N, C-alpha and C. Protein backbone atom coordinates (compact mmCIF):
# COMPACT_ATOMS: atom_id res chain seq x y z
N MET A 1 119.02 55.62 43.92
CA MET A 1 119.40 56.87 43.08
C MET A 1 120.81 56.75 42.36
N THR A 2 121.60 56.87 41.44
CA THR A 2 123.32 56.89 41.01
C THR A 2 124.36 57.63 42.11
N SER A 3 125.83 56.58 41.88
CA SER A 3 126.02 56.63 43.34
C SER A 3 126.42 58.27 43.97
N PRO A 4 126.78 58.70 42.39
CA PRO A 4 127.56 60.81 42.62
C PRO A 4 126.12 61.05 43.24
N LEU A 5 124.62 60.94 42.61
CA LEU A 5 123.76 62.32 43.74
C LEU A 5 123.32 61.43 44.46
N ARG A 6 123.90 60.28 45.38
CA ARG A 6 123.80 59.74 46.28
C ARG A 6 123.85 60.43 47.57
N ASN A 7 126.04 60.34 47.06
CA ASN A 7 126.63 61.71 47.50
C ASN A 7 126.34 62.60 48.16
N LEU A 8 126.25 63.02 47.03
CA LEU A 8 125.74 64.59 47.09
C LEU A 8 124.47 64.74 48.43
N ALA A 9 123.58 63.68 47.90
CA ALA A 9 122.48 63.97 48.91
C ALA A 9 123.05 64.18 50.40
N LEU A 10 124.00 63.15 50.50
CA LEU A 10 124.31 62.50 52.46
C LEU A 10 125.36 63.90 52.10
N SER A 11 125.89 64.48 51.26
CA SER A 11 126.53 65.41 51.69
C SER A 11 125.87 66.50 52.44
N LEU A 12 124.85 67.37 51.88
CA LEU A 12 124.36 67.88 51.75
C LEU A 12 123.40 67.69 53.32
N ALA A 13 123.38 66.76 52.92
CA ALA A 13 122.53 66.17 54.95
C ALA A 13 123.58 66.18 56.19
N LEU A 14 124.66 66.53 55.71
CA LEU A 14 125.62 66.36 56.92
C LEU A 14 125.79 67.86 56.85
N ILE A 15 125.38 69.05 56.08
CA ILE A 15 125.90 69.70 56.71
C ILE A 15 124.53 70.63 57.41
N ALA A 16 123.32 69.80 56.52
CA ALA A 16 122.50 70.67 56.81
C ALA A 16 121.46 70.23 58.66
N VAL A 17 122.34 68.84 58.94
CA VAL A 17 121.51 68.84 60.19
C VAL A 17 122.22 68.47 60.68
N PRO A 18 122.46 68.06 62.27
CA PRO A 18 123.03 67.67 63.40
C PRO A 18 124.31 66.56 63.34
N ALA A 19 124.97 65.72 63.77
CA ALA A 19 125.11 64.42 63.55
C ALA A 19 124.15 63.31 64.19
N GLY A 20 123.73 64.04 64.79
CA GLY A 20 122.99 63.24 65.02
C GLY A 20 120.88 62.70 64.23
N GLY A 21 120.94 63.39 63.38
CA GLY A 21 120.25 63.07 61.73
C GLY A 21 120.70 62.66 60.87
N PHE A 22 122.29 63.06 60.85
CA PHE A 22 122.58 62.18 59.42
C PHE A 22 122.35 60.57 59.08
N ALA A 23 121.64 60.08 60.51
CA ALA A 23 122.37 58.51 60.49
C ALA A 23 120.29 58.75 59.83
N LEU A 24 119.19 58.66 60.00
CA LEU A 24 117.98 59.13 59.20
C LEU A 24 118.00 59.96 58.05
N ALA A 25 118.73 60.24 58.13
CA ALA A 25 119.34 60.82 56.05
C ALA A 25 119.39 59.95 55.88
N GLU A 26 120.84 58.44 56.05
CA GLU A 26 120.78 57.54 55.30
C GLU A 26 120.36 57.05 55.36
N ALA A 27 119.29 56.38 56.24
CA ALA A 27 117.97 55.66 56.94
C ALA A 27 118.03 56.13 55.28
N TRP A 28 116.93 57.62 54.82
CA TRP A 28 115.70 57.81 54.13
C TRP A 28 116.22 57.66 52.96
N ILE A 29 117.99 57.83 52.95
CA ILE A 29 118.58 57.77 51.25
C ILE A 29 118.94 56.23 50.83
N ALA A 30 118.60 55.38 52.43
CA ALA A 30 119.90 54.13 51.68
C ALA A 30 118.00 53.27 51.76
N PRO A 31 118.12 51.94 50.33
CA PRO A 31 117.15 51.01 49.95
C PRO A 31 116.96 50.38 51.26
N ALA A 32 115.43 49.52 51.40
CA ALA A 32 115.19 48.88 52.15
C ALA A 32 116.29 47.62 51.91
N PRO A 33 116.48 46.65 52.33
CA PRO A 33 116.96 45.20 52.18
C PRO A 33 116.20 44.63 51.53
N ALA A 34 116.88 43.76 50.33
CA ALA A 34 114.64 42.58 49.70
C ALA A 34 115.05 41.62 50.61
N ALA A 35 115.23 41.25 51.84
CA ALA A 35 115.07 40.42 52.45
C ALA A 35 113.81 40.97 53.63
N ALA A 36 114.23 42.26 54.48
CA ALA A 36 113.16 42.81 54.66
C ALA A 36 111.85 43.57 53.48
N THR A 37 111.78 43.29 52.79
CA THR A 37 110.99 44.42 51.92
C THR A 37 110.11 42.44 51.79
N ALA A 38 111.00 41.19 51.34
CA ALA A 38 110.31 39.58 50.95
C ALA A 38 109.77 39.61 51.93
N ASN A 39 110.42 39.73 53.95
CA ASN A 39 109.44 39.61 54.96
C ASN A 39 107.91 40.52 55.04
N ALA A 40 107.77 41.29 54.81
CA ALA A 40 106.76 42.53 55.43
C ALA A 40 106.09 41.48 54.89
N ALA A 41 105.79 41.36 52.82
CA ALA A 41 104.78 40.93 51.87
C ALA A 41 105.20 39.92 51.88
N PRO A 42 105.66 38.44 52.51
CA PRO A 42 105.84 37.32 51.88
C PRO A 42 104.92 36.65 51.34
N LEU A 43 103.15 37.06 50.87
CA LEU A 43 102.47 37.07 50.03
C LEU A 43 102.26 37.11 48.43
N GLY A 44 102.37 38.64 48.64
CA GLY A 44 102.69 39.48 47.91
C GLY A 44 100.93 40.53 48.25
N ASP A 45 100.33 41.19 47.48
CA ASP A 45 99.42 42.27 47.10
C ASP A 45 98.24 42.27 47.54
N MET A 46 97.90 42.01 49.13
CA MET A 46 96.73 41.53 49.54
C MET A 46 95.45 42.40 49.90
N SER A 47 95.92 43.64 49.27
CA SER A 47 95.45 45.27 49.60
C SER A 47 93.09 43.66 49.28
N ALA A 48 93.55 43.24 47.61
CA ALA A 48 92.36 43.46 47.67
C ALA A 48 91.27 41.95 48.89
N TYR A 49 91.64 41.52 49.41
CA TYR A 49 91.31 40.98 50.23
C TYR A 49 91.77 41.97 51.94
N GLN A 50 92.27 42.91 51.98
CA GLN A 50 92.44 43.25 52.96
C GLN A 50 90.20 44.92 52.70
N THR A 51 91.04 45.32 50.68
CA THR A 51 88.93 45.94 50.97
C THR A 51 87.62 45.15 51.18
N ILE A 52 87.51 44.04 51.13
CA ILE A 52 86.84 43.25 51.49
C ILE A 52 86.22 43.08 53.56
N VAL A 53 88.02 42.82 53.77
CA VAL A 53 87.71 42.76 55.25
C VAL A 53 86.96 44.34 55.69
N THR A 54 87.15 45.06 54.73
CA THR A 54 87.24 46.95 56.04
C THR A 54 85.52 46.89 55.68
N ASP A 55 85.22 46.18 54.15
CA ASP A 55 84.31 46.99 54.11
C ASP A 55 83.75 45.77 54.83
N THR A 56 83.21 44.03 55.34
CA THR A 56 82.95 43.63 56.30
C THR A 56 83.46 44.41 57.94
N GLN A 57 83.50 45.16 58.20
CA GLN A 57 84.84 46.32 59.03
C GLN A 57 83.37 47.04 59.75
N THR A 58 83.30 47.61 58.59
CA THR A 58 82.40 48.84 58.39
C THR A 58 80.72 48.37 58.16
N ILE A 59 79.51 47.13 58.12
CA ILE A 59 79.11 46.79 57.80
C ILE A 59 78.61 46.23 59.77
N ALA A 60 79.61 45.51 59.91
CA ALA A 60 78.85 44.82 60.84
C ALA A 60 79.37 45.92 62.24
N ALA A 61 79.68 47.44 62.23
CA ALA A 61 79.31 48.72 62.93
C ALA A 61 78.25 48.95 62.80
N THR A 62 77.22 48.90 61.59
CA THR A 62 76.12 48.91 62.13
C THR A 62 74.96 48.20 62.81
N GLY A 63 75.64 47.06 62.84
CA GLY A 63 75.02 46.11 63.52
C GLY A 63 74.21 44.76 62.40
N ASP A 64 74.41 45.46 61.05
CA ASP A 64 73.47 44.48 60.38
C ASP A 64 75.22 43.64 59.97
N LEU A 65 74.76 41.96 60.61
CA LEU A 65 76.13 40.99 60.88
C LEU A 65 75.10 39.98 59.75
N THR A 66 73.93 40.07 59.17
CA THR A 66 74.00 39.20 58.52
C THR A 66 74.67 39.89 57.08
N ALA A 67 74.53 42.00 56.72
CA ALA A 67 75.14 41.92 55.97
C ALA A 67 76.84 41.16 55.66
N ALA A 68 77.05 41.31 57.25
CA ALA A 68 78.40 41.44 56.97
C ALA A 68 78.90 40.56 56.99
N GLU A 69 78.02 39.16 56.93
CA GLU A 69 78.54 37.65 56.83
C GLU A 69 78.69 37.64 55.35
N THR A 70 77.74 38.60 54.59
CA THR A 70 77.43 38.20 53.26
C THR A 70 78.68 38.66 52.52
N ARG A 71 79.38 40.37 53.30
CA ARG A 71 80.03 40.43 52.28
C ARG A 71 81.42 40.04 52.59
N ILE A 72 81.40 39.07 53.75
CA ILE A 72 83.41 38.56 54.08
C ILE A 72 83.30 37.07 53.04
N THR A 73 81.53 36.33 52.29
CA THR A 73 81.94 35.23 51.77
C THR A 73 82.30 35.68 50.29
N ASP A 74 82.38 36.83 50.23
CA ASP A 74 83.68 37.62 48.74
C ASP A 74 84.69 37.36 48.80
N LEU A 75 85.10 37.05 50.38
CA LEU A 75 86.61 36.68 50.81
C LEU A 75 87.02 35.40 50.48
N GLU A 76 86.04 34.65 51.51
CA GLU A 76 86.28 33.22 50.53
C GLU A 76 86.29 32.96 49.97
N ALA A 77 85.12 32.90 49.23
CA ALA A 77 85.60 32.36 47.20
C ALA A 77 87.00 32.96 46.67
N LEU A 78 87.25 34.21 47.09
CA LEU A 78 88.22 34.61 46.02
C LEU A 78 90.16 35.13 46.75
N TRP A 79 90.35 34.24 48.91
CA TRP A 79 90.43 33.75 49.06
C TRP A 79 91.18 31.72 48.70
N ASP A 80 90.22 31.19 48.96
CA ASP A 80 89.80 29.75 48.02
C ASP A 80 90.55 29.89 46.82
N GLN A 81 89.77 30.44 46.24
CA GLN A 81 90.64 30.57 45.01
C GLN A 81 91.33 30.47 44.12
N ASN A 82 92.58 31.39 45.22
CA ASN A 82 94.33 31.69 44.63
C ASN A 82 95.21 30.28 46.30
N ALA A 83 94.01 30.04 47.12
CA ALA A 83 95.02 29.28 47.36
C ALA A 83 96.34 28.25 47.59
N SER A 84 96.19 27.51 46.31
CA SER A 84 97.27 26.79 45.99
C SER A 84 99.08 27.34 45.50
N ALA A 85 98.28 28.30 45.10
CA ALA A 85 99.21 29.73 44.66
C ALA A 85 99.43 30.00 45.40
N LEU A 86 99.00 30.45 46.29
CA LEU A 86 99.28 31.71 48.37
C LEU A 86 100.28 30.64 49.25
N ARG A 87 99.82 29.14 48.72
CA ARG A 87 100.77 28.63 49.69
C ARG A 87 101.52 27.82 49.05
N ALA A 88 102.03 27.64 48.11
CA ALA A 88 103.48 27.53 47.29
C ALA A 88 104.05 28.73 47.41
N MET A 89 103.90 29.66 47.24
CA MET A 89 104.13 31.18 48.40
C MET A 89 105.35 31.44 49.10
N ASP A 90 103.94 30.75 50.62
CA ASP A 90 105.24 30.89 52.03
C ASP A 90 103.42 29.97 52.59
N ALA A 91 104.12 28.42 53.04
CA ALA A 91 102.94 27.68 53.39
C ALA A 91 102.35 28.06 55.08
N ASN A 92 103.21 29.11 55.98
CA ASN A 92 102.93 29.37 56.60
C ASN A 92 102.15 30.61 57.18
N ALA A 93 102.92 31.24 56.24
CA ALA A 93 102.21 33.95 55.73
C ALA A 93 100.61 32.87 56.01
N TRP A 94 100.40 31.84 54.48
CA TRP A 94 98.84 31.82 53.83
C TRP A 94 98.24 31.12 55.47
N GLY A 95 99.35 30.16 56.68
CA GLY A 95 98.10 29.05 57.02
C GLY A 95 98.06 30.90 57.92
N THR A 96 99.37 31.75 58.36
CA THR A 96 98.65 32.27 59.85
C THR A 96 97.44 32.85 58.89
N ILE A 97 96.88 33.23 57.51
CA ILE A 97 95.72 34.37 57.25
C ILE A 97 94.39 34.15 57.39
N ASP A 98 94.74 32.20 56.72
CA ASP A 98 94.03 31.19 57.29
C ASP A 98 93.45 31.11 58.02
N GLY A 99 94.08 30.52 59.60
CA GLY A 99 93.32 30.65 60.83
C GLY A 99 92.99 31.57 60.99
N ALA A 100 92.60 33.17 61.17
CA ALA A 100 92.13 34.61 60.85
C ALA A 100 91.43 35.19 60.47
N ALA A 101 90.99 33.43 59.36
CA ALA A 101 90.23 34.30 58.10
C ALA A 101 89.09 32.90 58.55
N ASP A 102 89.53 31.82 58.49
CA ASP A 102 88.53 31.13 59.20
C ASP A 102 87.82 31.15 60.61
N ASP A 103 88.29 31.86 61.74
CA ASP A 103 87.76 33.32 62.50
C ASP A 103 86.36 33.53 62.42
N ALA A 104 86.84 34.45 61.56
CA ALA A 104 85.95 35.32 60.80
C ALA A 104 84.83 35.32 60.85
N PHE A 105 84.76 33.53 60.14
CA PHE A 105 84.04 32.72 59.29
C PHE A 105 82.49 32.24 60.33
N ALA A 106 83.69 32.20 61.81
CA ALA A 106 82.69 31.48 62.27
C ALA A 106 82.66 32.42 63.11
N ALA A 107 83.04 33.58 63.99
CA ALA A 107 81.83 34.14 64.09
C ALA A 107 81.68 34.93 64.08
N LEU A 108 80.92 35.39 62.16
CA LEU A 108 79.94 35.92 61.56
C LEU A 108 78.97 34.95 61.36
N ARG A 109 79.02 33.84 60.78
CA ARG A 109 78.54 32.19 60.37
C ARG A 109 77.02 32.01 61.93
N ALA A 110 78.42 32.00 63.87
CA ALA A 110 77.66 31.33 64.30
C ALA A 110 75.92 31.71 64.49
N ARG A 111 75.38 30.15 64.78
CA ARG A 111 73.75 30.81 65.27
C ARG A 111 73.87 32.43 65.45
N THR A 112 73.86 32.99 66.84
CA THR A 112 73.41 33.69 66.82
C THR A 112 75.17 35.06 67.26
N PRO A 113 75.94 35.44 66.10
CA PRO A 113 76.58 36.06 65.57
C PRO A 113 76.64 36.51 67.58
N ASP A 114 78.15 36.86 68.02
CA ASP A 114 78.32 37.43 68.91
C ASP A 114 79.02 39.62 68.65
N ALA A 115 78.00 40.57 68.17
CA ALA A 115 78.91 41.64 67.92
C ALA A 115 80.48 41.93 68.81
N THR A 116 80.96 41.45 69.49
CA THR A 116 82.68 41.49 69.95
C THR A 116 82.97 41.06 69.56
N ARG A 117 82.53 39.61 69.34
CA ARG A 117 83.21 38.93 69.49
C ARG A 117 83.69 38.82 67.22
N VAL A 118 83.10 39.08 66.50
CA VAL A 118 82.92 40.38 64.96
C VAL A 118 83.95 41.28 64.88
N THR A 119 83.80 41.61 66.13
CA THR A 119 84.48 42.52 65.76
C THR A 119 86.62 42.71 65.95
N ALA A 120 86.04 41.54 67.17
CA ALA A 120 87.61 40.96 67.41
C ALA A 120 87.93 40.16 66.41
N THR A 121 87.39 39.42 65.86
CA THR A 121 88.08 38.25 64.81
C THR A 121 88.18 39.23 63.09
N LEU A 122 87.14 40.20 62.86
CA LEU A 122 87.83 41.13 61.87
C LEU A 122 89.26 42.05 62.16
N THR A 123 88.97 42.27 63.02
CA THR A 123 90.24 43.17 63.36
C THR A 123 92.21 42.08 63.53
N ALA A 124 92.08 40.77 64.52
CA ALA A 124 93.06 39.87 64.09
C ALA A 124 93.18 40.10 62.72
N LEU A 125 92.22 39.18 61.75
CA LEU A 125 92.42 39.23 59.93
C LEU A 125 93.03 40.31 60.06
N GLN A 126 92.11 41.71 59.71
CA GLN A 126 93.54 43.03 59.41
C GLN A 126 94.71 42.66 59.70
N GLU A 127 94.63 42.97 60.53
CA GLU A 127 96.20 42.22 61.77
C GLU A 127 97.25 41.04 61.03
N ALA A 128 96.54 39.61 60.69
CA ALA A 128 97.15 39.17 60.10
C ALA A 128 97.53 39.54 58.88
N LEU A 129 96.18 40.19 57.63
CA LEU A 129 96.34 39.88 55.96
C LEU A 129 97.60 41.25 56.69
N ALA A 130 98.12 42.43 57.26
CA ALA A 130 99.14 43.57 56.79
C ALA A 130 100.60 43.41 57.13
N ASN A 131 100.57 41.34 58.17
CA ASN A 131 101.15 41.21 58.84
C ASN A 131 101.35 39.66 58.72
N PRO A 132 101.23 38.64 57.65
CA PRO A 132 101.30 38.00 57.95
C PRO A 132 102.33 36.36 58.28
N ALA A 133 103.23 37.59 58.65
CA ALA A 133 104.33 36.48 59.39
C ALA A 133 104.84 36.39 60.76
N GLN A 134 103.81 37.58 61.75
CA GLN A 134 103.39 37.77 63.04
C GLN A 134 103.55 36.61 63.85
N ASP A 135 102.99 36.09 63.95
CA ASP A 135 103.22 34.21 64.78
C ASP A 135 104.77 33.68 64.43
N MET A 136 104.86 33.37 62.81
CA MET A 136 106.24 32.73 62.78
C MET A 136 107.06 33.66 64.06
N ALA A 137 107.03 34.87 64.45
CA ALA A 137 107.76 35.32 64.88
C ALA A 137 108.33 35.53 66.49
N GLN A 138 106.31 34.20 66.27
CA GLN A 138 106.31 33.84 68.12
C GLN A 138 106.96 32.80 68.15
N GLY A 139 107.24 32.06 67.42
CA GLY A 139 108.17 30.41 67.34
C GLY A 139 107.08 29.34 67.49
N GLY A 140 106.32 28.50 66.74
CA GLY A 140 105.53 27.72 66.61
C GLY A 140 105.31 26.87 66.61
N VAL A 141 105.02 25.30 66.41
CA VAL A 141 105.35 23.72 67.07
C VAL A 141 104.67 22.90 65.99
N VAL A 142 105.61 22.87 64.91
CA VAL A 142 104.85 21.26 64.19
C VAL A 142 104.68 20.73 64.81
N GLN A 143 102.72 20.34 65.34
CA GLN A 143 102.47 19.29 65.27
C GLN A 143 102.07 17.95 64.89
N MET A 144 103.06 16.77 65.61
CA MET A 144 103.26 14.98 64.34
C MET A 144 102.00 14.49 64.86
N VAL A 145 101.37 13.58 63.78
CA VAL A 145 100.61 12.82 64.31
C VAL A 145 101.12 11.43 63.91
N SER A 146 102.23 10.19 65.04
CA SER A 146 101.70 8.70 63.24
C SER A 146 103.76 9.15 62.63
N GLY A 147 103.86 10.20 63.14
CA GLY A 147 105.63 10.79 62.58
C GLY A 147 105.38 11.35 61.75
N ILE A 148 104.31 12.28 60.81
CA ILE A 148 103.92 13.02 59.79
C ILE A 148 103.37 14.56 60.71
N ALA A 149 104.22 14.79 59.58
CA ALA A 149 103.44 16.88 59.71
C ALA A 149 101.57 17.01 59.84
N VAL A 150 100.82 17.61 60.80
CA VAL A 150 99.10 17.42 60.09
C VAL A 150 99.57 19.98 60.66
N THR A 151 100.64 20.16 60.85
CA THR A 151 100.53 21.23 61.34
C THR A 151 101.18 22.19 60.41
N ASP A 152 101.50 23.46 59.89
CA ASP A 152 103.14 24.39 60.06
C ASP A 152 103.66 24.89 60.64
N ALA A 153 104.75 25.79 60.86
CA ALA A 153 105.82 25.56 61.87
C ALA A 153 104.67 26.46 63.30
N ASN A 154 103.55 27.48 62.90
CA ASN A 154 102.98 28.61 63.62
C ASN A 154 101.89 27.25 64.21
N GLY A 155 101.69 25.63 64.00
CA GLY A 155 101.19 24.84 64.91
C GLY A 155 99.32 25.08 63.85
N ARG A 156 99.36 26.11 63.44
CA ARG A 156 97.81 25.52 62.37
C ARG A 156 97.70 24.01 61.57
N ALA A 157 96.63 23.55 61.85
CA ALA A 157 95.88 22.84 60.88
C ALA A 157 96.54 22.53 59.98
N LEU A 158 97.36 21.28 59.14
CA LEU A 158 97.37 22.40 57.08
C LEU A 158 96.43 21.72 56.76
N PRO A 159 96.09 22.08 55.21
CA PRO A 159 94.84 21.91 54.22
C PRO A 159 94.65 20.79 54.41
N CYS A 160 93.34 19.53 54.26
CA CYS A 160 93.15 18.42 54.47
C CYS A 160 93.09 18.59 53.54
N GLU A 161 93.05 19.21 52.37
CA GLU A 161 93.87 18.77 51.05
C GLU A 161 94.94 18.35 51.24
N THR A 162 96.28 18.78 51.40
CA THR A 162 97.00 18.37 51.32
C THR A 162 98.03 17.59 51.67
N LEU A 163 97.41 16.33 53.25
CA LEU A 163 97.32 15.60 53.17
C LEU A 163 96.61 14.63 52.42
N ILE A 164 95.04 14.67 52.49
CA ILE A 164 94.22 13.41 51.15
C ILE A 164 95.15 13.01 50.11
N GLY A 165 95.42 14.39 49.77
CA GLY A 165 96.36 14.57 47.80
C GLY A 165 97.59 13.52 48.08
N GLN A 166 98.16 12.83 49.54
CA GLN A 166 99.52 12.90 49.25
C GLN A 166 99.00 11.51 49.87
N LEU A 167 97.85 11.40 50.41
CA LEU A 167 97.29 9.68 50.62
C LEU A 167 97.13 9.05 49.14
N ARG A 168 95.89 9.73 48.28
CA ARG A 168 95.64 9.42 47.56
C ARG A 168 97.28 8.71 46.38
N THR A 169 97.98 10.02 46.61
CA THR A 169 99.02 9.80 45.23
C THR A 169 99.99 8.80 45.69
N GLU A 170 99.70 8.39 47.43
CA GLU A 170 100.42 7.19 47.96
C GLU A 170 99.50 5.58 47.38
N LEU A 171 98.40 5.53 47.30
CA LEU A 171 97.87 4.42 47.15
C LEU A 171 97.31 4.43 45.59
N ALA A 172 97.65 5.10 44.77
CA ALA A 172 97.88 4.73 43.66
C ALA A 172 98.33 3.51 43.10
N GLY A 173 97.45 2.81 42.33
CA GLY A 173 97.63 1.38 41.92
C GLY A 173 97.43 0.23 42.78
N LEU A 174 97.10 0.62 44.41
CA LEU A 174 97.12 -0.38 45.07
C LEU A 174 95.73 -0.70 45.86
N THR A 175 96.14 -1.18 46.53
CA THR A 175 94.81 -2.56 46.79
C THR A 175 94.57 -2.06 48.41
N ALA A 176 93.61 -1.31 48.69
CA ALA A 176 94.12 -0.43 50.37
C ALA A 176 94.35 -1.44 51.60
N PRO A 177 94.53 -1.84 52.46
CA PRO A 177 93.74 -2.57 53.54
C PRO A 177 92.42 -1.90 54.22
N ALA A 178 91.37 -2.48 54.37
CA ALA A 178 90.40 -2.03 55.22
C ALA A 178 90.12 -0.96 56.21
N ASN A 179 91.10 -1.28 56.74
CA ASN A 179 91.78 -0.17 58.26
C ASN A 179 92.18 1.24 57.67
N VAL A 180 93.62 1.42 55.99
CA VAL A 180 93.90 2.89 55.58
C VAL A 180 91.92 3.24 55.02
N THR A 181 91.54 2.58 54.55
CA THR A 181 90.56 2.24 53.73
C THR A 181 89.66 3.55 54.72
N ASP A 182 89.13 2.72 55.68
CA ASP A 182 88.29 3.51 56.76
C ASP A 182 89.04 4.65 57.10
N LEU A 183 90.36 4.82 57.00
CA LEU A 183 91.09 6.48 57.87
C LEU A 183 90.47 7.07 57.25
N GLN A 184 90.94 6.93 55.59
CA GLN A 184 91.14 7.40 54.04
C GLN A 184 89.60 8.54 53.69
N ALA A 185 88.38 6.89 54.32
CA ALA A 185 86.70 8.01 53.81
C ALA A 185 86.84 9.04 55.96
N ARG A 186 86.95 8.37 56.44
CA ARG A 186 86.45 9.58 58.05
C ARG A 186 87.50 11.38 57.77
N ALA A 187 88.83 10.96 57.18
CA ALA A 187 89.70 12.04 56.40
C ALA A 187 88.78 12.74 55.59
N LEU A 188 88.03 12.37 54.92
CA LEU A 188 87.07 12.98 54.02
C LEU A 188 85.31 13.34 54.31
N GLU A 189 85.60 12.59 55.08
CA GLU A 189 84.11 13.07 55.99
C GLU A 189 84.72 14.16 56.80
N ARG A 190 85.53 14.23 57.51
CA ARG A 190 85.76 15.80 58.48
C ARG A 190 86.25 16.61 57.34
N CYS A 191 86.74 16.37 56.17
CA CYS A 191 87.51 17.82 55.29
C CYS A 191 87.04 18.67 54.24
N ASN A 192 85.65 17.69 54.18
CA ASN A 192 84.16 17.78 53.87
C ASN A 192 83.51 18.76 54.63
N ALA A 193 83.57 18.18 56.07
CA ALA A 193 83.05 19.40 56.90
C ALA A 193 83.44 20.73 57.73
N ASP A 194 85.16 20.66 56.64
CA ASP A 194 85.52 22.35 56.46
C ASP A 194 86.65 21.81 58.23
N ASP A 195 86.60 20.77 58.51
CA ASP A 195 87.37 20.63 60.10
C ASP A 195 88.76 19.77 60.14
N ASP A 196 89.36 20.44 59.44
CA ASP A 196 91.61 20.46 59.10
C ASP A 196 91.44 19.34 60.04
N ALA A 197 92.05 19.86 61.27
CA ALA A 197 92.73 19.25 62.00
C ALA A 197 92.21 17.21 61.90
N HIS A 198 91.05 17.03 62.54
CA HIS A 198 91.17 15.67 62.50
C HIS A 198 90.48 15.22 61.09
N SER A 199 90.97 15.84 60.37
CA SER A 199 90.96 15.47 58.62
C SER A 199 92.30 14.75 58.37
N ASP A 200 93.70 16.00 59.07
CA ASP A 200 95.01 15.42 58.72
C ASP A 200 95.30 14.54 59.82
N ALA A 201 94.68 14.55 61.08
CA ALA A 201 94.58 13.13 61.36
C ALA A 201 94.48 11.84 61.44
N PHE A 202 93.54 11.94 60.82
CA PHE A 202 92.99 10.13 59.81
C PHE A 202 94.17 10.23 58.52
N ALA A 203 94.08 11.42 58.12
CA ALA A 203 94.88 11.08 57.12
C ALA A 203 96.49 10.52 56.90
N ALA A 204 97.40 11.50 58.38
CA ALA A 204 98.38 11.05 58.84
C ALA A 204 98.36 9.30 59.06
N GLN A 205 97.24 9.11 59.82
CA GLN A 205 97.49 7.28 60.40
C GLN A 205 97.59 6.97 58.88
N ALA A 206 96.76 7.04 58.26
CA ALA A 206 96.94 6.03 57.46
C ALA A 206 97.56 5.85 56.29
N LEU A 207 98.11 7.15 56.60
CA LEU A 207 100.04 7.01 55.64
C LEU A 207 100.37 6.36 56.68
N ALA A 208 101.29 6.74 57.66
CA ALA A 208 102.57 5.90 58.59
C ALA A 208 101.85 4.37 58.32
N LEU A 209 100.15 3.90 58.60
CA LEU A 209 100.48 2.33 57.55
C LEU A 209 100.64 2.08 56.60
N LEU A 210 100.61 3.00 55.23
CA LEU A 210 100.72 2.85 54.32
C LEU A 210 102.67 2.64 54.39
N ARG A 211 102.67 3.46 54.72
CA ARG A 211 104.33 2.95 55.35
C ARG A 211 104.75 2.17 55.61
N GLY A 212 104.16 1.81 57.01
CA GLY A 212 104.80 1.00 57.20
C GLY A 212 105.78 1.10 58.46
């Protein structure tokens, strides 16, 4: 809105409403601060993911948890496809959603899925998608292993590929000691099993040995 039009709108608002209402008019006309907008959507448009979760919730509500698990797999594929780009935008926000998604996957893929747990984890996932910065406001703590960070600021394990990638980079052109090779193998095994926490711990120990 141009400055003259904005001033006119504020004048009309002042005449039409009591003093207490003027603040509301000002707030309505004024643009949202850029920082607030950025914080509200640190990873950009999440609507595609939210649609899949909504579909999954609708299916789960019918009691067909097998079909719900099939639909949530679409989210997993899309999320993994965009993981690198999303982590680069905001690693902490990415970690919030990734952790919530893992909980939902686990609930739906349990040997005997529990409908109550499925509902709770899907609800939590929707909340994380709507506000991925929520955990950061609670003040998480970065956890360390051998002096190397293995979690983000929310306390969620880093993607195992991240530390394994660092380890491979630092091993390039070197003959790794046996203990480092063993830790690297353990990290890879746990990463392939989707066990980020233990994989990160092994990779961090290997990195610490390499760095002396």
